[in-house]
């Protein structure tokens, strides 16, 4: 096995093989596996142990190759990271100090309060957005919907008052249409 490798994988599907062995045979197999992974180069004359150990040995070898490749990649990544930190470091009073750059961008949109139709908490609707809704719905209906949103317990999750109101109005309109259809539905249908 590899130097400094303290663990190995033993796959659970091995149970199908081990269940067919007696406790004594299973113990011998387990000891054989442990001797192998600790580089003690075990040898046995027991044919049953040899046959059961061979697929385990092959999977251990495959896993070791995968682990070695991953270990080498991590070493290379660590060295590369150390080089970058060393390159970016500056010296202050004969000490190496890493330098970090922090960038903060802030942007704000100024909205004239005259352009706001309705606003509460973190949500607001402009007059132009209200006019878009008013093309399809009555002012009373829109205001009622806005009241409902304002009083809705989970309104903090909404980002746009206009889009939320538009969606709520569509749902209400659909409910109203279904009720109207059911009223006029023929009894024989």
N, C-alpha and C. Protein backbone atom coordinates (compact mmCIF):
# COMPACT_ATOMS: atom_id res chain seq x y z
N UNK A 1 0.84 -1.18 0.00
CA UNK A 1 0.00 0.00 0.00
C UNK A 1 0.88 1.24 0.00
N UNK A 2 0.28 2.40 -0.09
CA UNK A 2 1.01 3.66 -0.16
C UNK A 2 1.50 4.08 1.21
N UNK A 3 2.61 4.82 1.23
CA UNK A 3 3.12 5.37 2.48
C UNK A 3 2.13 6.40 3.01
N UNK A 4 1.97 6.45 4.31
CA UNK A 4 1.11 7.41 5.00
C UNK A 4 -0.37 7.26 4.66
N UNK A 5 -0.75 6.17 4.06
CA UNK A 5 -2.17 5.93 3.78
C UNK A 5 -2.72 5.12 4.95
N UNK A 6 -3.67 5.71 5.67
CA UNK A 6 -4.14 5.11 6.91
C UNK A 6 -5.46 4.36 6.78
N UNK A 7 -6.06 4.38 5.61
CA UNK A 7 -7.36 3.73 5.47
C UNK A 7 -7.49 3.10 4.09
N UNK A 8 -8.48 2.26 3.95
CA UNK A 8 -8.79 1.65 2.66
C UNK A 8 -10.28 1.37 2.60
N UNK A 9 -10.80 1.15 1.38
CA UNK A 9 -12.22 0.86 1.20
C UNK A 9 -12.44 -0.65 1.13
N UNK A 10 -13.41 -1.10 1.87
CA UNK A 10 -13.84 -2.48 1.79
C UNK A 10 -15.32 -2.40 1.41
N UNK A 11 -15.68 -2.89 0.24
CA UNK A 11 -17.01 -2.69 -0.30
C UNK A 11 -18.04 -3.63 0.33
N UNK A 12 -19.23 -3.10 0.54
CA UNK A 12 -20.28 -3.83 1.25
C UNK A 12 -20.80 -5.05 0.47
N UNK A 13 -20.62 -5.09 -0.84
CA UNK A 13 -21.11 -6.25 -1.59
C UNK A 13 -20.26 -7.49 -1.35
N UNK A 14 -19.17 -7.35 -0.60
CA UNK A 14 -18.33 -8.48 -0.23
C UNK A 14 -19.09 -9.42 0.72
N UNK A 15 -20.16 -8.93 1.31
CA UNK A 15 -20.94 -9.74 2.25
C UNK A 15 -21.46 -11.03 1.61
N UNK A 16 -21.74 -10.97 0.31
CA UNK A 16 -22.27 -12.15 -0.38
C UNK A 16 -21.25 -13.29 -0.38
N UNK A 17 -19.99 -12.96 -0.47
CA UNK A 17 -18.92 -13.96 -0.43
C UNK A 17 -18.68 -14.40 1.00
N UNK A 18 -18.55 -13.45 1.92
CA UNK A 18 -18.19 -13.75 3.31
C UNK A 18 -19.28 -14.57 4.01
N UNK A 19 -20.55 -14.36 3.65
CA UNK A 19 -21.63 -15.13 4.28
C UNK A 19 -21.55 -16.62 3.95
N UNK A 20 -20.91 -16.95 2.86
CA UNK A 20 -20.79 -18.35 2.47
C UNK A 20 -19.63 -19.03 3.21
N UNK A 21 -18.80 -18.24 3.91
CA UNK A 21 -17.66 -18.79 4.65
C UNK A 21 -18.04 -19.05 6.10
N UNK A 22 -17.33 -19.98 6.72
CA UNK A 22 -17.52 -20.17 8.17
C UNK A 22 -16.87 -18.99 8.87
N UNK A 23 -17.16 -18.82 10.17
CA UNK A 23 -16.57 -17.72 10.93
C UNK A 23 -15.05 -17.83 10.93
N UNK A 24 -14.54 -19.03 11.02
CA UNK A 24 -13.09 -19.25 11.03
C UNK A 24 -12.47 -18.83 9.69
N UNK A 25 -13.11 -19.24 8.60
CA UNK A 25 -12.61 -18.88 7.27
C UNK A 25 -12.71 -17.37 7.03
N UNK A 26 -13.82 -16.75 7.48
CA UNK A 26 -13.99 -15.31 7.31
C UNK A 26 -12.93 -14.56 8.11
N UNK A 27 -12.62 -15.04 9.31
CA UNK A 27 -11.57 -14.43 10.13
C UNK A 27 -10.22 -14.50 9.44
N UNK A 28 -9.91 -15.65 8.85
CA UNK A 28 -8.63 -15.81 8.12
C UNK A 28 -8.57 -14.83 6.94
N UNK A 29 -9.70 -14.71 6.22
CA UNK A 29 -9.75 -13.80 5.07
C UNK A 29 -9.53 -12.36 5.53
N UNK A 30 -10.20 -11.96 6.62
CA UNK A 30 -10.07 -10.58 7.10
C UNK A 30 -8.63 -10.30 7.54
N UNK A 31 -8.03 -11.24 8.26
CA UNK A 31 -6.62 -11.07 8.67
C UNK A 31 -5.72 -10.96 7.45
N UNK A 32 -6.01 -11.75 6.42
CA UNK A 32 -5.21 -11.72 5.19
C UNK A 32 -5.31 -10.34 4.52
N UNK A 33 -6.52 -9.78 4.49
CA UNK A 33 -6.74 -8.45 3.91
C UNK A 33 -5.94 -7.41 4.69
N UNK A 34 -6.03 -7.45 6.01
CA UNK A 34 -5.31 -6.47 6.85
C UNK A 34 -3.80 -6.59 6.69
N UNK A 35 -3.28 -7.80 6.58
CA UNK A 35 -1.84 -7.98 6.36
C UNK A 35 -1.44 -7.41 5.00
N UNK A 36 -2.31 -7.60 4.01
CA UNK A 36 -2.01 -7.09 2.66
C UNK A 36 -1.95 -5.56 2.63
N UNK A 37 -2.95 -4.90 3.23
CA UNK A 37 -2.99 -3.43 3.18
C UNK A 37 -1.91 -2.80 4.06
N UNK A 38 -1.34 -3.57 4.99
CA UNK A 38 -0.25 -3.06 5.82
C UNK A 38 1.12 -3.51 5.31
N UNK A 39 1.17 -3.93 4.04
CA UNK A 39 2.41 -4.32 3.36
C UNK A 39 3.18 -5.41 4.10
N UNK A 40 2.48 -6.39 4.65
CA UNK A 40 3.14 -7.50 5.32
C UNK A 40 3.30 -8.70 4.38
N UNK A 41 2.89 -8.54 3.12
CA UNK A 41 3.01 -9.54 2.06
C UNK A 41 2.56 -10.92 2.53
N UNK A 42 1.27 -11.04 2.83
CA UNK A 42 0.76 -12.32 3.36
C UNK A 42 0.78 -13.41 2.30
N UNK A 43 1.02 -14.63 2.76
CA UNK A 43 0.96 -15.80 1.88
C UNK A 43 0.16 -16.86 2.62
N UNK A 44 -0.64 -17.58 1.89
CA UNK A 44 -1.44 -18.63 2.50
C UNK A 44 -1.52 -19.82 1.55
N UNK A 45 -1.60 -20.99 2.16
CA UNK A 45 -1.77 -22.22 1.39
C UNK A 45 -3.26 -22.55 1.23
N UNK A 46 -4.11 -21.85 2.02
CA UNK A 46 -5.54 -22.10 2.01
C UNK A 46 -6.13 -21.59 0.69
N UNK A 47 -6.55 -22.53 -0.14
CA UNK A 47 -7.08 -22.20 -1.47
C UNK A 47 -8.33 -21.32 -1.36
N UNK A 48 -9.19 -21.56 -0.40
CA UNK A 48 -10.41 -20.79 -0.24
C UNK A 48 -10.09 -19.32 0.06
N UNK A 49 -9.11 -19.07 0.93
CA UNK A 49 -8.70 -17.70 1.25
C UNK A 49 -8.12 -17.03 0.01
N UNK A 50 -7.32 -17.77 -0.75
CA UNK A 50 -6.72 -17.21 -1.97
C UNK A 50 -7.80 -16.81 -2.98
N UNK A 51 -8.79 -17.68 -3.17
CA UNK A 51 -9.85 -17.42 -4.16
C UNK A 51 -10.71 -16.23 -3.71
N UNK A 52 -11.04 -16.19 -2.43
CA UNK A 52 -11.89 -15.08 -1.93
C UNK A 52 -11.12 -13.76 -1.90
N UNK A 53 -9.81 -13.84 -1.67
CA UNK A 53 -9.01 -12.62 -1.54
C UNK A 53 -8.72 -11.95 -2.89
N UNK A 54 -8.65 -12.72 -3.95
CA UNK A 54 -8.23 -12.17 -5.26
C UNK A 54 -9.09 -10.99 -5.74
N UNK A 55 -10.44 -11.06 -5.73
CA UNK A 55 -11.21 -9.89 -6.17
C UNK A 55 -11.04 -8.69 -5.21
N UNK A 56 -10.86 -8.99 -3.92
CA UNK A 56 -10.61 -7.90 -2.95
C UNK A 56 -9.29 -7.23 -3.29
N UNK A 57 -8.29 -8.02 -3.57
CA UNK A 57 -6.95 -7.50 -3.92
C UNK A 57 -7.03 -6.61 -5.16
N UNK A 58 -7.80 -7.03 -6.16
CA UNK A 58 -7.91 -6.25 -7.40
C UNK A 58 -8.61 -4.91 -7.14
N UNK A 59 -9.66 -4.91 -6.32
CA UNK A 59 -10.35 -3.65 -6.03
C UNK A 59 -9.45 -2.74 -5.18
N UNK A 60 -8.67 -3.31 -4.27
CA UNK A 60 -7.73 -2.50 -3.47
C UNK A 60 -6.68 -1.85 -4.37
N UNK A 61 -6.20 -2.59 -5.36
CA UNK A 61 -5.21 -2.04 -6.30
C UNK A 61 -5.82 -0.91 -7.13
N UNK A 62 -7.07 -1.11 -7.61
CA UNK A 62 -7.74 -0.05 -8.39
C UNK A 62 -7.92 1.20 -7.54
N UNK A 63 -8.38 1.00 -6.31
CA UNK A 63 -8.60 2.14 -5.41
C UNK A 63 -7.29 2.85 -5.08
N UNK A 64 -6.21 2.10 -4.95
CA UNK A 64 -4.91 2.70 -4.66
C UNK A 64 -4.43 3.56 -5.83
N UNK A 65 -4.63 3.07 -7.05
CA UNK A 65 -4.26 3.87 -8.23
C UNK A 65 -5.05 5.18 -8.26
N UNK A 66 -6.35 5.08 -8.00
CA UNK A 66 -7.20 6.27 -7.99
C UNK A 66 -6.76 7.23 -6.89
N UNK A 67 -6.46 6.70 -5.70
CA UNK A 67 -6.03 7.52 -4.57
C UNK A 67 -4.70 8.20 -4.88
N UNK A 68 -3.75 7.45 -5.48
CA UNK A 68 -2.44 8.00 -5.80
C UNK A 68 -2.57 9.15 -6.79
N UNK A 69 -3.40 8.96 -7.81
CA UNK A 69 -3.60 10.02 -8.80
C UNK A 69 -4.20 11.26 -8.14
N UNK A 70 -5.20 11.07 -7.29
CA UNK A 70 -5.86 12.18 -6.60
C UNK A 70 -4.87 12.86 -5.65
N UNK A 71 -4.05 12.08 -4.97
CA UNK A 71 -3.05 12.62 -4.04
C UNK A 71 -2.04 13.50 -4.78
N UNK A 72 -1.59 13.02 -5.93
CA UNK A 72 -0.63 13.80 -6.74
C UNK A 72 -1.26 15.10 -7.24
N UNK A 73 -2.54 15.05 -7.65
CA UNK A 73 -3.23 16.26 -8.10
C UNK A 73 -3.35 17.27 -6.97
N UNK A 74 -3.63 16.81 -5.77
CA UNK A 74 -3.76 17.71 -4.62
C UNK A 74 -2.41 18.33 -4.25
N UNK A 75 -1.35 17.54 -4.35
CA UNK A 75 -0.01 18.08 -4.09
C UNK A 75 0.31 19.18 -5.09
N UNK A 76 0.03 18.91 -6.38
CA UNK A 76 0.31 19.90 -7.43
C UNK A 76 -0.52 21.17 -7.21
N UNK A 77 -1.79 21.00 -6.85
CA UNK A 77 -2.65 22.17 -6.61
C UNK A 77 -2.15 22.97 -5.41
N UNK A 78 -1.70 22.29 -4.38
CA UNK A 78 -1.16 22.96 -3.20
C UNK A 78 0.08 23.76 -3.53
N UNK A 79 0.96 23.16 -4.34
CA UNK A 79 2.20 23.86 -4.74
C UNK A 79 1.86 25.08 -5.59
N UNK A 80 0.93 24.92 -6.50
CA UNK A 80 0.52 26.03 -7.36
C UNK A 80 -0.07 27.17 -6.53
N UNK A 81 -0.92 26.82 -5.56
CA UNK A 81 -1.52 27.82 -4.69
C UNK A 81 -0.45 28.54 -3.87
N UNK A 82 0.53 27.79 -3.39
CA UNK A 82 1.61 28.40 -2.60
C UNK A 82 2.42 29.37 -3.45
N UNK A 83 2.65 28.99 -4.70
CA UNK A 83 3.39 29.88 -5.61
C UNK A 83 2.63 31.18 -5.85
N UNK A 84 1.34 31.07 -6.06
CA UNK A 84 0.51 32.26 -6.30
C UNK A 84 0.52 33.16 -5.06
N UNK A 85 0.37 32.56 -3.87
CA UNK A 85 0.42 33.35 -2.64
C UNK A 85 1.78 34.02 -2.46
N UNK A 86 2.84 33.29 -2.81
CA UNK A 86 4.19 33.84 -2.68
C UNK A 86 4.39 35.00 -3.65
N UNK A 87 3.87 34.83 -4.86
CA UNK A 87 4.00 35.87 -5.89
C UNK A 87 3.22 37.13 -5.49
N UNK A 88 2.06 36.94 -4.85
CA UNK A 88 1.22 38.06 -4.48
C UNK A 88 1.58 38.67 -3.13
N UNK A 89 2.50 38.03 -2.43
CA UNK A 89 2.88 38.53 -1.10
C UNK A 89 3.77 39.76 -1.23
N UNK A 90 3.67 40.64 -0.25
CA UNK A 90 4.54 41.81 -0.19
C UNK A 90 5.36 41.73 1.09
N UNK A 91 6.47 42.42 1.13
CA UNK A 91 7.33 42.39 2.31
C UNK A 91 7.18 43.69 3.09
N UNK A 92 6.89 43.55 4.39
CA UNK A 92 6.77 44.69 5.28
C UNK A 92 7.65 44.40 6.49
N UNK A 93 8.65 45.26 6.71
CA UNK A 93 9.58 45.08 7.84
C UNK A 93 10.19 43.68 7.84
N UNK A 94 10.69 43.25 6.69
CA UNK A 94 11.34 41.94 6.51
C UNK A 94 10.40 40.76 6.77
N UNK A 95 9.10 40.98 6.75
CA UNK A 95 8.13 39.91 6.90
C UNK A 95 7.27 39.85 5.64
N UNK A 96 6.97 38.65 5.22
CA UNK A 96 6.12 38.47 4.05
C UNK A 96 4.66 38.56 4.47
N UNK A 97 3.92 39.42 3.81
CA UNK A 97 2.52 39.62 4.12
C UNK A 97 1.71 39.42 2.86
N UNK A 98 0.68 38.58 2.95
CA UNK A 98 -0.18 38.37 1.78
C UNK A 98 -1.02 39.61 1.56
N UNK A 99 -1.20 39.92 0.32
CA UNK A 99 -2.06 41.06 0.01
C UNK A 99 -3.37 40.55 -0.55
N UNK A 100 -4.43 41.14 -0.11
CA UNK A 100 -5.73 40.78 -0.65
C UNK A 100 -6.38 42.03 -1.21
N UNK A 101 -7.14 41.83 -2.23
CA UNK A 101 -7.84 42.94 -2.85
C UNK A 101 -9.32 42.71 -2.65
N UNK A 102 -9.99 43.70 -2.15
CA UNK A 102 -11.42 43.61 -1.96
C UNK A 102 -12.09 44.70 -2.78
N UNK A 103 -13.03 44.33 -3.57
CA UNK A 103 -13.74 45.28 -4.41
C UNK A 103 -15.20 45.29 -3.98
N UNK A 104 -15.72 46.45 -3.78
CA UNK A 104 -17.12 46.59 -3.39
C UNK A 104 -17.80 47.53 -4.38
N UNK A 105 -18.90 47.08 -4.92
CA UNK A 105 -19.64 47.89 -5.89
C UNK A 105 -21.02 48.16 -5.30
N UNK A 106 -21.40 49.40 -5.34
CA UNK A 106 -22.71 49.76 -4.84
C UNK A 106 -23.41 50.58 -5.91
N UNK A 107 -24.65 50.26 -6.14
CA UNK A 107 -25.40 50.98 -7.15
C UNK A 107 -26.77 51.28 -6.58
N UNK A 108 -27.24 52.44 -6.80
CA UNK A 108 -28.57 52.77 -6.31
C UNK A 108 -29.37 53.43 -7.42
N UNK A 109 -30.64 53.20 -7.36
CA UNK A 109 -31.53 53.78 -8.35
C UNK A 109 -32.38 54.82 -7.64
N UNK A 110 -32.40 56.00 -8.17
CA UNK A 110 -33.19 57.05 -7.56
C UNK A 110 -34.53 57.11 -8.28
N UNK A 111 -35.58 57.00 -7.49
CA UNK A 111 -36.92 57.06 -8.06
C UNK A 111 -37.61 58.27 -7.45
N UNK A 112 -38.16 59.05 -8.29
CA UNK A 112 -38.89 60.22 -7.83
C UNK A 112 -40.16 59.74 -7.13
N UNK A 113 -40.40 60.22 -5.91
CA UNK A 113 -41.56 59.78 -5.14
C UNK A 113 -42.88 60.07 -5.86
N UNK A 114 -42.88 61.02 -6.75
CA UNK A 114 -44.10 61.32 -7.51
C UNK A 114 -44.43 60.18 -8.47
N UNK A 115 -43.40 59.35 -8.82
CA UNK A 115 -43.60 58.25 -9.76
C UNK A 115 -44.10 56.97 -9.07
N UNK A 116 -44.17 56.97 -7.76
CA UNK A 116 -44.58 55.78 -7.02
C UNK A 116 -46.10 55.80 -6.82
N UNK A 117 -46.77 54.73 -7.21
CA UNK A 117 -48.21 54.63 -6.99
C UNK A 117 -48.48 54.10 -5.58
N UNK A 118 -47.76 53.03 -5.21
CA UNK A 118 -47.98 52.41 -3.90
C UNK A 118 -46.67 51.83 -3.41
N UNK A 119 -46.42 51.95 -2.10
CA UNK A 119 -45.18 51.46 -1.54
C UNK A 119 -45.41 51.02 -0.11
N UNK A 120 -44.79 49.87 0.28
CA UNK A 120 -44.80 49.41 1.66
C UNK A 120 -43.64 48.43 1.83
N UNK A 121 -43.13 48.37 3.05
CA UNK A 121 -41.98 47.52 3.38
C UNK A 121 -40.88 47.71 2.33
N UNK A 122 -40.49 46.66 1.66
CA UNK A 122 -39.43 46.73 0.66
C UNK A 122 -39.98 46.76 -0.77
N UNK A 123 -41.28 46.81 -0.91
CA UNK A 123 -41.90 46.76 -2.23
C UNK A 123 -42.51 48.10 -2.62
N UNK A 124 -42.47 48.36 -3.92
CA UNK A 124 -43.14 49.56 -4.42
C UNK A 124 -43.57 49.32 -5.86
N UNK A 125 -44.59 50.08 -6.28
CA UNK A 125 -45.09 49.99 -7.65
C UNK A 125 -45.13 51.40 -8.21
N UNK A 126 -44.58 51.54 -9.39
CA UNK A 126 -44.57 52.87 -10.02
C UNK A 126 -45.93 53.14 -10.67
N UNK A 127 -46.13 54.39 -11.01
CA UNK A 127 -47.38 54.79 -11.67
C UNK A 127 -47.49 54.11 -13.02
N UNK A 128 -46.37 54.01 -13.73
CA UNK A 128 -46.42 53.38 -15.06
C UNK A 128 -46.78 51.88 -14.95
N UNK A 129 -46.29 51.20 -13.91
CA UNK A 129 -46.66 49.80 -13.71
C UNK A 129 -48.14 49.68 -13.36
N UNK A 130 -48.63 50.61 -12.54
CA UNK A 130 -50.05 50.62 -12.20
C UNK A 130 -50.89 50.81 -13.46
N UNK A 131 -50.45 51.73 -14.33
CA UNK A 131 -51.19 51.98 -15.58
C UNK A 131 -51.26 50.73 -16.45
N UNK A 132 -50.19 49.93 -16.44
CA UNK A 132 -50.21 48.68 -17.21
C UNK A 132 -51.28 47.73 -16.66
N UNK A 133 -51.35 47.65 -15.34
CA UNK A 133 -52.36 46.78 -14.73
C UNK A 133 -53.77 47.30 -14.97
N UNK A 134 -53.90 48.63 -14.93
CA UNK A 134 -55.21 49.26 -15.08
C UNK A 134 -55.78 49.03 -16.48
N UNK A 135 -54.92 48.72 -17.43
CA UNK A 135 -55.41 48.42 -18.78
C UNK A 135 -56.26 47.14 -18.78
N UNK A 136 -55.99 46.21 -17.80
CA UNK A 136 -56.71 44.94 -17.77
C UNK A 136 -57.66 44.79 -16.57
N UNK A 137 -57.43 45.59 -15.52
CA UNK A 137 -58.21 45.43 -14.29
C UNK A 137 -58.70 46.79 -13.79
N UNK A 138 -59.75 46.76 -13.00
CA UNK A 138 -60.28 48.00 -12.41
C UNK A 138 -59.38 48.45 -11.27
N UNK A 139 -59.36 49.76 -11.01
CA UNK A 139 -58.54 50.34 -9.95
C UNK A 139 -58.89 49.71 -8.60
N UNK A 140 -60.18 49.52 -8.34
CA UNK A 140 -60.64 48.95 -7.09
C UNK A 140 -60.07 47.54 -6.89
N UNK A 141 -60.04 46.74 -7.95
CA UNK A 141 -59.52 45.37 -7.89
C UNK A 141 -58.02 45.38 -7.63
N UNK A 142 -57.31 46.28 -8.31
CA UNK A 142 -55.86 46.38 -8.13
C UNK A 142 -55.54 46.80 -6.70
N UNK A 143 -56.25 47.82 -6.20
CA UNK A 143 -56.01 48.29 -4.83
C UNK A 143 -56.30 47.19 -3.81
N UNK A 144 -57.33 46.43 -4.06
CA UNK A 144 -57.67 45.32 -3.16
C UNK A 144 -56.56 44.27 -3.16
N UNK A 145 -56.04 44.00 -4.32
CA UNK A 145 -54.94 43.04 -4.45
C UNK A 145 -53.70 43.55 -3.72
N UNK A 146 -53.38 44.84 -3.88
CA UNK A 146 -52.22 45.43 -3.21
C UNK A 146 -52.38 45.38 -1.69
N UNK A 147 -53.59 45.60 -1.21
CA UNK A 147 -53.86 45.48 0.22
C UNK A 147 -53.59 44.06 0.70
N UNK A 148 -54.04 43.10 -0.08
CA UNK A 148 -53.84 41.70 0.28
C UNK A 148 -52.36 41.35 0.35
N UNK A 149 -51.59 41.83 -0.61
CA UNK A 149 -50.15 41.57 -0.62
C UNK A 149 -49.48 42.21 0.59
N UNK A 150 -49.88 43.45 0.90
CA UNK A 150 -49.30 44.15 2.04
C UNK A 150 -49.58 43.40 3.34
N UNK A 151 -50.77 42.83 3.46
CA UNK A 151 -51.15 42.12 4.68
C UNK A 151 -50.70 40.66 4.68
N UNK A 152 -50.17 40.19 3.55
CA UNK A 152 -49.71 38.81 3.45
C UNK A 152 -48.47 38.62 4.31
N UNK A 153 -48.49 37.63 5.16
CA UNK A 153 -47.42 37.39 6.13
C UNK A 153 -46.06 37.18 5.46
N UNK A 154 -46.01 36.46 4.37
CA UNK A 154 -44.74 36.12 3.70
C UNK A 154 -44.40 37.04 2.54
N UNK A 155 -44.81 38.31 2.61
CA UNK A 155 -44.54 39.19 1.46
C UNK A 155 -43.06 39.58 1.37
N UNK A 156 -42.26 39.23 2.37
CA UNK A 156 -40.82 39.56 2.35
C UNK A 156 -40.08 38.84 1.24
N UNK A 157 -40.62 37.71 0.80
CA UNK A 157 -39.94 36.94 -0.23
C UNK A 157 -40.15 37.51 -1.65
N UNK A 158 -41.10 38.42 -1.78
CA UNK A 158 -41.37 38.98 -3.10
C UNK A 158 -40.36 40.08 -3.44
N UNK A 159 -40.02 40.15 -4.71
CA UNK A 159 -39.03 41.14 -5.16
C UNK A 159 -39.69 42.29 -5.93
N UNK A 160 -40.81 42.02 -6.57
CA UNK A 160 -41.47 43.03 -7.39
C UNK A 160 -42.96 43.08 -7.05
N UNK A 161 -43.40 44.23 -6.60
CA UNK A 161 -44.81 44.41 -6.27
C UNK A 161 -45.67 44.31 -7.53
N UNK A 162 -45.19 44.86 -8.62
CA UNK A 162 -45.92 44.82 -9.89
C UNK A 162 -46.17 43.38 -10.34
N UNK A 163 -45.08 42.57 -10.39
CA UNK A 163 -45.22 41.20 -10.87
C UNK A 163 -46.07 40.35 -9.92
N UNK A 164 -45.89 40.57 -8.62
CA UNK A 164 -46.69 39.83 -7.65
C UNK A 164 -48.17 40.15 -7.82
N UNK A 165 -48.48 41.42 -7.92
CA UNK A 165 -49.88 41.84 -8.08
C UNK A 165 -50.45 41.28 -9.38
N UNK A 166 -49.68 41.34 -10.43
CA UNK A 166 -50.13 40.84 -11.74
C UNK A 166 -50.47 39.34 -11.64
N UNK A 167 -49.59 38.57 -10.97
CA UNK A 167 -49.83 37.13 -10.82
C UNK A 167 -51.05 36.86 -9.95
N UNK A 168 -51.18 37.59 -8.85
CA UNK A 168 -52.33 37.39 -7.97
C UNK A 168 -53.63 37.73 -8.68
N UNK A 169 -53.60 38.79 -9.48
CA UNK A 169 -54.82 39.18 -10.22
C UNK A 169 -55.19 38.11 -11.24
N UNK A 170 -54.21 37.53 -11.91
CA UNK A 170 -54.49 36.47 -12.88
C UNK A 170 -55.13 35.28 -12.19
N UNK A 171 -54.61 34.91 -11.00
CA UNK A 171 -55.17 33.77 -10.28
C UNK A 171 -56.61 34.05 -9.87
N UNK A 172 -56.87 35.24 -9.38
CA UNK A 172 -58.22 35.61 -8.97
C UNK A 172 -59.17 35.59 -10.16
N UNK A 173 -58.69 36.08 -11.30
CA UNK A 173 -59.52 36.12 -12.50
C UNK A 173 -59.87 34.70 -12.92
N UNK A 174 -58.91 33.79 -12.85
CA UNK A 174 -59.15 32.40 -13.22
C UNK A 174 -60.16 31.76 -12.27
N UNK A 175 -60.03 32.02 -10.97
CA UNK A 175 -60.99 31.48 -10.00
C UNK A 175 -62.40 32.01 -10.29
N UNK A 176 -62.49 33.30 -10.58
CA UNK A 176 -63.79 33.92 -10.86
C UNK A 176 -64.41 33.31 -12.13
N UNK A 177 -63.58 33.09 -13.16
CA UNK A 177 -64.10 32.50 -14.40
C UNK A 177 -64.62 31.10 -14.16
N UNK A 178 -63.92 30.31 -13.33
CA UNK A 178 -64.37 28.95 -13.04
C UNK A 178 -65.70 28.96 -12.30
N UNK A 179 -65.84 29.88 -11.34
CA UNK A 179 -67.11 29.98 -10.61
C UNK A 179 -68.26 30.34 -11.55
N UNK A 180 -67.99 31.28 -12.45
CA UNK A 180 -69.02 31.71 -13.40
C UNK A 180 -69.41 30.55 -14.31
N UNK A 181 -68.43 29.80 -14.79
CA UNK A 181 -68.72 28.66 -15.65
C UNK A 181 -69.55 27.61 -14.91
N UNK A 182 -69.21 27.35 -13.65
CA UNK A 182 -69.96 26.36 -12.88
C UNK A 182 -71.38 26.79 -12.60
N UNK A 183 -71.62 28.10 -12.49
CA UNK A 183 -72.98 28.60 -12.26
C UNK A 183 -73.89 28.30 -13.44
N UNK A 184 -73.34 28.50 -14.62
CA UNK A 184 -74.15 28.35 -15.82
C UNK A 184 -74.04 26.97 -16.46
N UNK A 185 -73.42 26.06 -15.79
CA UNK A 185 -73.25 24.72 -16.32
C UNK A 185 -74.60 24.00 -16.31
N UNK A 186 -74.92 23.34 -17.37
CA UNK A 186 -76.20 22.62 -17.47
C UNK A 186 -76.21 21.46 -16.47
N UNK A 187 -77.34 21.21 -15.81
CA UNK A 187 -77.40 20.16 -14.81
C UNK A 187 -77.14 18.76 -15.36
N UNK A 188 -77.39 18.53 -16.62
CA UNK A 188 -77.19 17.20 -17.20
C UNK A 188 -75.74 16.95 -17.60
N UNK A 189 -74.88 17.95 -17.50
CA UNK A 189 -73.48 17.77 -17.87
C UNK A 189 -72.70 17.21 -16.72
